[in-house]
């Protein structure tokens, strides 16, 4: 990577700044709930672990407590 480029992290949506209103928050919450149900059904696969990590990063960005969901 050239020296003048700043590195991009894993997920574009987590790194982008934006308003906390709109459907972003609702979509992140519903995605977390769906992944939680899927983990109970399929158990923990590597794909589900990675998806949960990305969703939990989004929820932390939006200042949403995961324990209350």
C-alpha atoms as a PDB file:
ATOM      1  CA  UNK A   1       0.000   0.000   0.000  1.00  0.00           C
ATOM      2  CA  UNK A   2       1.383   3.432  -0.862  1.00  0.00           C
ATOM      3  CA  UNK A   3       2.494   5.591   2.030  1.00  0.00           C
ATOM      4  CA  UNK A   4       0.118   8.447   1.235  1.00  0.00           C
ATOM      5  CA  UNK A   5      -3.049   6.319   1.511  1.00  0.00           C
ATOM      6  CA  UNK A   6      -4.683   5.847   4.880  1.00  0.00           C
ATOM      7  CA  UNK A   7      -5.719   2.253   5.634  1.00  0.00           C
ATOM      8  CA  UNK A   8      -9.351   1.271   5.411  1.00  0.00           C
ATOM      9  CA  UNK A   9     -10.665  -1.005   8.113  1.00  0.00           C
ATOM     10  CA  UNK A  10     -12.715  -4.178   7.677  1.00  0.00           C
ATOM     11  CA  UNK A  11     -16.218  -2.780   7.446  1.00  0.00           C
ATOM     12  CA  UNK A  12     -17.127   0.382   5.552  1.00  0.00           C
ATOM     13  CA  UNK A  13     -20.457   0.910   7.350  1.00  0.00           C
ATOM     14  CA  UNK A  14     -18.883   0.792  10.819  1.00  0.00           C
ATOM     15  CA  UNK A  15     -16.195   3.333   9.931  1.00  0.00           C
ATOM     16  CA  UNK A  16     -18.479   5.829   8.229  1.00  0.00           C
ATOM     17  CA  UNK A  17     -19.828   8.616  10.371  1.00  0.00           C
ATOM     18  CA  UNK A  18     -23.462   9.501  10.013  1.00  0.00           C
ATOM     19  CA  UNK A  19     -26.618  10.388  11.867  1.00  0.00           C
ATOM     20  CA  UNK A  20     -27.916   8.007  14.520  1.00  0.00           C
ATOM     21  CA  UNK A  21     -31.483   8.290  13.259  1.00  0.00           C
ATOM     22  CA  UNK A  22     -33.129   6.529  10.380  1.00  0.00           C
ATOM     23  CA  UNK A  23     -33.217   2.870   9.530  1.00  0.00           C
ATOM     24  CA  UNK A  24     -29.544   2.176  10.246  1.00  0.00           C
ATOM     25  CA  UNK A  25     -30.120   1.575  13.936  1.00  0.00           C
ATOM     26  CA  UNK A  26     -33.275  -0.476  13.419  1.00  0.00           C
ATOM     27  CA  UNK A  27     -31.562  -2.615  10.787  1.00  0.00           C
ATOM     28  CA  UNK A  28     -28.565  -3.234  13.052  1.00  0.00           C
ATOM     29  CA  UNK A  29     -30.835  -4.308  15.913  1.00  0.00           C
ATOM     30  CA  UNK A  30     -32.917  -6.620  13.727  1.00  0.00           C
ATOM     31  CA  UNK A  31     -29.759  -8.108  12.206  1.00  0.00           C
ATOM     32  CA  UNK A  32     -28.396  -8.797  15.694  1.00  0.00           C
ATOM     33  CA  UNK A  33     -31.632 -10.514  16.735  1.00  0.00           C
ATOM     34  CA  UNK A  34     -31.682 -12.665  13.584  1.00  0.00           C
ATOM     35  CA  UNK A  35     -28.056 -13.697  14.092  1.00  0.00           C
ATOM     36  CA  UNK A  36     -28.765 -14.568  17.721  1.00  0.00           C
ATOM     37  CA  UNK A  37     -31.648 -16.856  16.711  1.00  0.00           C
ATOM     38  CA  UNK A  38     -29.528 -18.396  13.989  1.00  0.00           C
ATOM     39  CA  UNK A  39     -26.717 -19.099  16.468  1.00  0.00           C
ATOM     40  CA  UNK A  40     -29.162 -20.984  18.693  1.00  0.00           C
ATOM     41  CA  UNK A  41     -30.250 -23.077  15.713  1.00  0.00           C
ATOM     42  CA  UNK A  42     -26.909 -23.640  13.921  1.00  0.00           C
ATOM     43  CA  UNK A  43     -24.526 -23.151  16.851  1.00  0.00           C
ATOM     44  CA  UNK A  44     -21.441 -21.045  16.407  1.00  0.00           C
ATOM     45  CA  UNK A  45     -19.806 -21.179  13.023  1.00  0.00           C
ATOM     46  CA  UNK A  46     -16.911 -18.989  11.956  1.00  0.00           C
ATOM     47  CA  UNK A  47     -19.186 -17.057   9.589  1.00  0.00           C
ATOM     48  CA  UNK A  48     -21.673 -16.319  12.391  1.00  0.00           C
ATOM     49  CA  UNK A  49     -18.874 -15.264  14.742  1.00  0.00           C
ATOM     50  CA  UNK A  50     -17.566 -12.789  12.173  1.00  0.00           C
ATOM     51  CA  UNK A  51     -21.072 -11.459  11.475  1.00  0.00           C
ATOM     52  CA  UNK A  52     -21.760 -11.007  15.202  1.00  0.00           C
ATOM     53  CA  UNK A  53     -18.488  -9.123  15.595  1.00  0.00           C
ATOM     54  CA  UNK A  54     -19.435  -6.700  12.808  1.00  0.00           C
ATOM     55  CA  UNK A  55     -22.951  -6.167  14.172  1.00  0.00           C
ATOM     56  CA  UNK A  56     -21.697  -5.651  17.716  1.00  0.00           C
ATOM     57  CA  UNK A  57     -19.245  -3.036  16.400  1.00  0.00           C
ATOM     58  CA  UNK A  58     -22.149  -1.229  14.740  1.00  0.00           C
ATOM     59  CA  UNK A  59     -24.213  -1.357  17.935  1.00  0.00           C
ATOM     60  CA  UNK A  60     -21.280  -0.029  19.953  1.00  0.00           C
ATOM     61  CA  UNK A  61     -20.903   2.809  17.435  1.00  0.00           C
ATOM     62  CA  UNK A  62     -24.586   3.685  17.867  1.00  0.00           C
ATOM     63  CA  UNK A  63     -24.235   3.430  21.698  1.00  0.00           C
ATOM     64  CA  UNK A  64     -26.768   0.613  22.006  1.00  0.00           C
ATOM     65  CA  UNK A  65     -26.425  -1.819  24.907  1.00  0.00           C
ATOM     66  CA  UNK A  66     -26.409  -5.372  23.559  1.00  0.00           C
ATOM     67  CA  UNK A  67     -27.501  -6.902  26.876  1.00  0.00           C
ATOM     68  CA  UNK A  68     -30.882  -5.114  26.768  1.00  0.00           C
ATOM     69  CA  UNK A  69     -31.814  -6.414  23.319  1.00  0.00           C
END
